[in-house]
Protein backbone atom coordinates (compact mmCIF):
# COMPACT_ATOMS: atom_id res chain seq x y z
CA MET A 1 21.09 -86.31 80.43
CA THR A 2 18.34 -86.97 82.96
CA ARG A 3 15.30 -85.72 81.07
CA TYR A 4 13.82 -87.85 78.31
CA ARG A 5 14.41 -86.38 74.86
CA GLY A 6 13.42 -88.42 71.84
CA ARG A 7 13.21 -87.66 68.14
CA PHE A 8 11.80 -88.73 64.81
CA ALA A 9 14.23 -88.27 61.93
CA PRO A 10 12.76 -89.10 58.50
CA SER A 11 14.61 -88.79 55.21
CA PRO A 12 12.64 -86.82 52.58
CA THR A 13 12.77 -89.51 49.90
CA GLY A 14 9.00 -89.48 49.47
CA PRO A 15 5.72 -89.02 51.36
CA LEU A 16 5.24 -90.61 54.77
CA HIS A 17 4.59 -94.33 54.37
CA PHE A 18 3.44 -96.90 56.92
CA GLY A 19 6.93 -98.01 57.91
CA SER A 20 7.91 -94.44 58.78
CA LEU A 21 4.61 -93.94 60.60
CA VAL A 22 5.40 -96.96 62.80
CA ALA A 23 8.76 -95.43 63.75
CA ALA A 24 7.15 -92.04 64.36
CA THR A 25 4.39 -93.56 66.47
CA GLY A 26 6.75 -95.64 68.59
CA SER A 27 9.15 -92.79 69.24
CA TYR A 28 6.32 -90.33 69.93
CA LEU A 29 4.52 -92.57 72.41
CA ASP A 30 7.70 -93.61 74.21
CA ALA A 31 8.60 -89.96 74.74
CA ARG A 32 5.16 -88.71 75.75
CA HIS A 33 4.50 -91.70 78.04
CA GLN A 34 7.55 -90.65 80.04
CA GLN A 35 6.57 -86.96 79.97
CA GLY A 36 9.52 -86.32 77.72
CA GLU A 37 10.23 -84.13 74.72
CA TRP A 38 9.87 -85.29 71.12
CA LEU A 39 11.88 -83.52 68.42
CA LEU A 40 11.56 -83.59 64.64
CA ARG A 41 14.68 -83.72 62.48
CA ILE A 42 14.67 -83.87 58.68
CA GLU A 43 17.66 -85.92 57.53
CA ASP A 44 18.11 -84.25 54.14
CA LEU A 45 21.78 -85.07 53.58
CA ASP A 46 21.39 -87.03 50.36
CA PRO A 47 20.01 -84.77 47.59
CA PRO A 48 20.18 -87.44 44.83
CA ARG A 49 17.68 -89.59 46.77
CA GLU A 50 15.38 -86.78 47.88
CA ILE A 51 12.05 -85.88 46.31
CA ALA A 52 11.08 -82.25 45.90
CA GLY A 53 8.40 -81.29 48.41
CA ALA A 54 8.78 -84.48 50.46
CA SER A 55 9.90 -82.66 53.63
CA ASP A 56 6.84 -80.43 53.62
CA SER A 57 4.61 -83.40 52.83
CA ILE A 58 5.95 -85.40 55.79
CA ILE A 59 5.61 -82.45 58.15
CA ARG A 60 2.06 -81.72 56.99
CA THR A 61 1.03 -85.36 57.38
CA LEU A 62 2.40 -85.55 60.92
CA GLU A 63 0.49 -82.38 61.80
CA GLN A 64 -2.73 -83.73 60.32
CA LEU A 65 -2.29 -86.99 62.21
CA GLY A 66 -2.10 -85.00 65.44
CA MET A 67 1.56 -85.55 66.32
CA THR A 68 3.12 -82.49 67.92
CA TRP A 69 6.85 -81.91 68.39
CA ASP A 70 8.86 -79.70 70.68
CA GLY A 71 10.97 -76.81 69.45
CA PRO A 72 11.92 -75.94 65.87
CA ILE A 73 12.45 -78.55 63.17
CA SER A 74 16.12 -79.35 62.55
CA TYR A 75 17.43 -79.83 58.99
CA GLN A 76 20.70 -81.68 58.49
CA SER A 77 21.34 -79.81 55.24
CA GLN A 78 21.90 -76.68 57.36
CA ARG A 79 24.51 -78.28 59.62
CA SER A 80 27.45 -79.06 57.35
CA HIS A 81 29.79 -76.89 59.40
CA VAL A 82 29.14 -79.02 62.49
CA TYR A 83 29.94 -82.23 60.63
CA GLU A 84 33.11 -80.62 59.30
CA GLU A 85 34.16 -79.89 62.89
CA ALA A 86 33.60 -83.53 63.84
CA LEU A 87 35.73 -84.68 60.90
CA GLU A 88 38.49 -82.30 61.93
CA GLN A 89 38.39 -83.69 65.46
CA LEU A 90 38.76 -87.22 64.11
CA ARG A 91 41.64 -86.06 61.91
CA GLN A 92 43.42 -84.43 64.83
CA GLN A 93 43.06 -87.69 66.78
CA GLY A 94 44.60 -89.68 63.93
CA TYR A 95 41.43 -91.62 63.13
CA LEU A 96 40.53 -90.05 59.78
CA TYR A 97 42.14 -90.89 56.44
CA ASP A 98 41.51 -90.46 52.73
CA CYS A 99 40.44 -93.46 50.68
CA GLY A 100 40.89 -93.76 46.90
CA CYS A 101 38.99 -97.01 46.39
CA SER A 102 35.95 -97.27 44.17
CA ARG A 103 32.89 -99.33 45.05
CA ARG A 104 33.80 -101.90 42.41
CA GLU A 105 37.32 -102.30 43.78
CA ILE A 106 36.00 -102.77 47.30
CA ALA A 107 33.40 -105.29 46.13
CA ASP A 108 36.13 -107.29 44.40
CA SER A 109 38.28 -107.57 47.53
CA ALA A 110 35.96 -107.18 50.52
CA VAL A 111 34.69 -109.89 52.81
CA VAL A 112 30.90 -109.76 53.22
CA THR A 113 29.34 -110.18 56.68
CA GLU A 114 25.85 -109.65 58.12
CA ALA A 115 26.78 -106.03 58.78
CA GLY A 116 27.88 -105.49 55.18
CA SER A 117 31.14 -105.49 53.23
CA VAL A 118 34.32 -105.33 55.31
CA TYR A 119 36.76 -102.78 53.91
CA PRO A 120 40.11 -104.52 53.35
CA GLY A 121 42.19 -101.54 54.51
CA THR A 122 43.75 -100.75 51.13
CA CYS A 123 44.34 -97.05 51.92
CA ARG A 124 44.72 -97.36 55.69
CA ASN A 125 48.42 -96.53 55.69
CA GLY A 126 48.29 -93.97 52.90
CA LEU A 127 47.00 -93.74 49.35
CA PRO A 128 48.67 -96.26 47.01
CA PRO A 129 50.68 -94.73 44.12
CA GLY A 130 48.47 -93.20 41.43
CA ARG A 131 45.39 -93.00 43.69
CA SER A 132 43.46 -89.78 44.34
CA PRO A 133 41.33 -89.16 47.45
CA ARG A 134 37.67 -90.10 47.05
CA SER A 135 35.98 -90.76 50.37
CA MET A 136 37.08 -90.39 53.99
CA ARG A 137 37.16 -93.29 56.41
CA VAL A 138 37.48 -93.59 60.14
CA ARG A 139 40.10 -95.99 61.43
CA VAL A 140 38.58 -98.83 63.49
CA ASP A 141 40.38 -100.26 66.50
CA ALA A 142 40.19 -103.95 67.36
CA VAL A 143 37.29 -103.47 69.74
CA THR A 144 34.08 -105.29 70.49
CA SER A 145 30.99 -103.08 70.44
CA ARG A 146 27.98 -104.23 72.44
CA VAL A 147 24.46 -102.84 72.07
CA GLN A 148 21.93 -103.49 74.83
CA ASP A 149 18.67 -102.73 73.10
CA ARG A 150 15.45 -102.12 75.05
CA LEU A 151 13.59 -104.57 72.79
CA GLN A 152 15.82 -106.59 70.50
CA ALA A 153 18.30 -109.25 71.58
CA PRO A 154 21.70 -107.88 72.66
CA LEU A 155 24.01 -107.25 69.71
CA GLN A 156 27.76 -107.81 69.77
CA GLN A 157 29.96 -106.77 66.87
CA GLN A 158 33.69 -107.08 66.27
CA LEU A 159 34.14 -103.86 64.36
CA ALA A 160 37.52 -104.62 62.82
CA THR A 161 36.52 -108.00 61.38
CA GLU A 162 32.80 -107.45 60.76
CA VAL A 163 32.79 -103.84 59.49
CA GLY A 164 36.31 -102.52 59.02
CA ASP A 165 37.23 -98.88 58.58
CA PHE A 166 34.00 -97.19 57.52
CA ILE A 167 33.11 -94.13 55.48
CA VAL A 168 32.25 -90.85 57.19
CA ARG A 169 32.39 -88.73 54.04
CA ARG A 170 31.41 -90.18 50.70
CA ALA A 171 33.10 -89.89 47.33
CA ASP A 172 30.43 -87.37 46.29
CA GLN A 173 31.51 -85.30 49.33
CA LEU A 174 28.26 -85.89 51.19
CA PHE A 175 28.51 -86.68 54.90
CA SER A 176 27.63 -90.20 55.96
CA TYR A 177 24.53 -91.04 57.95
CA GLN A 178 26.69 -92.60 60.68
CA LEU A 179 28.54 -89.35 61.34
CA ALA A 180 25.59 -86.98 61.03
CA VAL A 181 23.22 -88.93 63.27
CA VAL A 182 25.82 -89.17 66.04
CA VAL A 183 26.64 -85.47 65.92
CA ASP A 184 22.99 -84.41 65.80
CA ASP A 185 21.77 -86.72 68.56
CA ALA A 186 24.46 -85.28 70.83
CA ALA A 187 23.77 -81.67 69.82
CA GLN A 188 20.06 -82.12 70.52
CA GLN A 189 20.77 -83.96 73.78
CA ILE A 190 18.78 -86.99 72.68
CA SER A 191 18.52 -89.42 75.58
CA HIS A 192 16.45 -92.14 73.88
CA VAL A 193 16.43 -93.29 70.25
CA VAL A 194 13.42 -95.25 69.00
CA ARG A 195 13.74 -96.27 65.35
CA GLY A 196 13.47 -99.20 62.94
CA ALA A 197 15.45 -102.40 63.45
CA ASP A 198 16.98 -101.99 59.98
CA LEU A 199 19.36 -99.55 61.72
CA LEU A 200 20.33 -101.91 64.53
CA ASP A 201 23.47 -103.20 62.80
CA SER A 202 24.62 -99.58 62.30
CA THR A 203 24.47 -98.85 66.01
CA PRO A 204 27.92 -100.27 66.91
CA ARG A 205 29.53 -97.92 64.40
CA GLN A 206 27.62 -95.02 65.92
CA ASN A 207 28.66 -96.05 69.41
CA TYR A 208 32.28 -96.14 68.22
CA LEU A 209 32.05 -92.60 66.84
CA GLN A 210 30.40 -91.44 70.06
CA ARG A 211 33.38 -92.76 71.99
CA LEU A 212 35.95 -91.16 69.67
CA LEU A 213 34.15 -87.79 69.74
CA GLY A 214 33.53 -87.88 73.48
CA LEU A 215 29.73 -87.93 73.10
CA SER A 216 27.14 -89.65 75.26
CA THR A 217 25.30 -92.76 74.05
CA PRO A 218 21.48 -92.72 74.08
CA ALA A 219 19.30 -95.66 75.11
CA TYR A 220 18.14 -97.53 72.01
CA LEU A 221 14.88 -99.25 71.10
CA HIS A 222 14.70 -100.76 67.61
CA LEU A 223 11.16 -101.45 66.43
CA PRO A 224 10.19 -104.15 63.93
CA VAL A 225 10.44 -102.92 60.35
CA ALA A 226 7.28 -103.08 58.22
CA VAL A 227 7.84 -105.35 55.20
CA ASP A 228 5.74 -106.63 52.33
CA SER A 229 4.91 -110.26 51.56
CA LYS A 230 8.34 -110.69 49.92
CA LEU A 231 10.04 -109.40 53.11
CA ALA A 232 11.11 -106.18 51.38
CA LYS A 233 11.13 -103.09 53.57
CA LEU A 234 8.43 -100.55 52.75
CA SER A 235 10.07 -97.69 50.88
CA LYS A 236 9.87 -95.58 47.78
CA GLN A 237 11.78 -98.32 45.93
CA THR A 238 9.14 -100.92 46.85
CA PHE A 239 6.31 -98.50 45.92
CA ALA A 240 4.93 -98.28 49.47
CA GLN A 241 1.59 -96.50 49.67
CA SER A 242 1.50 -93.04 51.25
CA VAL A 243 -0.23 -92.56 54.58
CA THR A 244 -3.35 -90.44 54.28
CA PRO A 245 -4.61 -88.71 57.42
CA ASP A 246 -8.23 -88.30 56.31
CA ASP A 247 -9.57 -91.78 57.11
CA ARG A 248 -10.68 -91.26 60.71
CA HIS A 249 -7.14 -91.94 62.00
CA GLY A 250 -7.16 -95.44 60.55
CA ALA A 251 -3.43 -95.30 59.82
CA VAL A 252 -2.62 -94.52 63.47
CA ILE A 253 -4.86 -97.36 64.61
CA ASP A 254 -3.10 -99.70 62.17
CA ALA A 255 0.30 -98.57 63.50
CA LEU A 256 -0.81 -99.23 67.08
CA ARG A 257 -2.03 -102.69 66.10
CA PHE A 258 1.25 -103.35 64.29
CA LEU A 259 3.07 -102.50 67.54
CA ARG A 260 0.69 -104.77 69.50
CA GLN A 261 -0.59 -101.90 71.62
CA GLU A 262 -3.90 -101.93 73.45
CA LEU A 263 -6.70 -100.00 71.78
CA PRO A 264 -9.74 -98.34 73.36
CA ASP A 265 -13.21 -99.69 72.69
CA SER A 266 -14.42 -98.44 69.28
CA PRO A 267 -11.15 -96.63 68.46
CA HIS A 268 -12.57 -95.16 65.23
CA ASP A 269 -15.22 -93.36 67.30
CA ALA A 270 -12.62 -91.60 69.44
CA SER A 271 -11.46 -88.14 68.44
CA ARG A 272 -7.93 -87.76 67.19
CA ASP A 273 -6.73 -86.27 70.48
CA GLU A 274 -8.59 -88.87 72.55
CA LEU A 275 -6.91 -91.67 70.62
CA TRP A 276 -3.46 -90.22 71.16
CA GLN A 277 -4.11 -89.62 74.85
CA TRP A 278 -5.23 -93.22 75.27
CA ALA A 279 -2.19 -94.51 73.38
CA ILE A 280 0.19 -92.38 75.45
CA GLU A 281 -1.31 -93.54 78.74
CA HIS A 282 -1.34 -97.21 77.70
CA TRP A 283 2.04 -97.36 75.92
CA ASP A 284 3.60 -100.71 76.83
CA ILE A 285 7.03 -101.68 75.51
CA THR A 286 6.61 -105.18 76.96
CA ALA A 287 3.87 -105.75 74.38
CA LEU A 288 6.14 -104.86 71.44
CA PRO A 289 7.12 -107.82 69.25
CA ALA A 290 10.83 -108.49 69.71
CA CYS A 291 11.57 -109.25 66.07
CA ARG A 292 13.29 -107.31 63.33
CA THR A 293 10.51 -107.43 60.74
CA LEU A 294 6.73 -107.73 60.60
CA THR A 295 4.40 -107.85 57.60
CA ALA A 296 2.58 -104.57 57.04
CA PRO A 297 -1.19 -104.39 56.46
CA ALA A 298 -2.03 -104.93 52.80
CA ASP A 299 -3.37 -101.39 52.39
CA TYR A 300 0.13 -99.95 52.70
CA VAL A 301 2.09 -102.14 50.31
CA ALA A 302 2.35 -101.84 46.54
CA PRO A 303 -0.55 -103.36 44.62
CA SER A 304 0.39 -106.75 43.22
């Protein structure tokens, strides 16, 4: 892949909030600065967490903010057959197995690391007597996965001891994020991924799946995650305020400031298109703060 292709891939769990706008802004500017393409993918794989109308709300807000994408919008909910094919490939390679463990059982026996709970391998060599299949896991080799991020410090992860065999299909039969994002990035020929640093620790697992499935690995840039004063990530659960596009592009200006980007003189006086053109021309990844979290402006966090 020689041409730059980036993407923004929100989950429709609510309206666009400031944290998602930061990720959208960073990925959009990185793509446009390099005369690349920017795609929009709706990651609607988890119906229990989704809010009715959220996809349309996010799309409408991006349009009103002046962010334009290339090609049609992709919806993960329409791609189950592709994820099934990936699972079958893993099965044929001997890397996929059924797991009968519940969350409580895993919590009782797992070792907890920075990357999460390490699955103890209970069902690795077959379901124990009396167990029924629940989820599907991918077998992890004793390999070291290294991530050279364009912003964050290099990450090294021993998958077997820090993660263990991980889920690719959940007990509720929904496909995992790790599997779907790998398959979709490859299908859309994504060359560069710009997203929040909360996903950095997931990247080694994605790299591992890319290797097993024979897929290319994009270049990664993990932006600081917007958090509130208690260091909680902005989300529906933390009652993050929705971004409104009718305030003379104040939200975009706040996102640019959050990312430490240079602003034009009197940015509120610029038209929407003039502001984006300036931001594209002056996009500077060396100015980005190389940290995993940053406090969001007070206007976008839940009222105390």
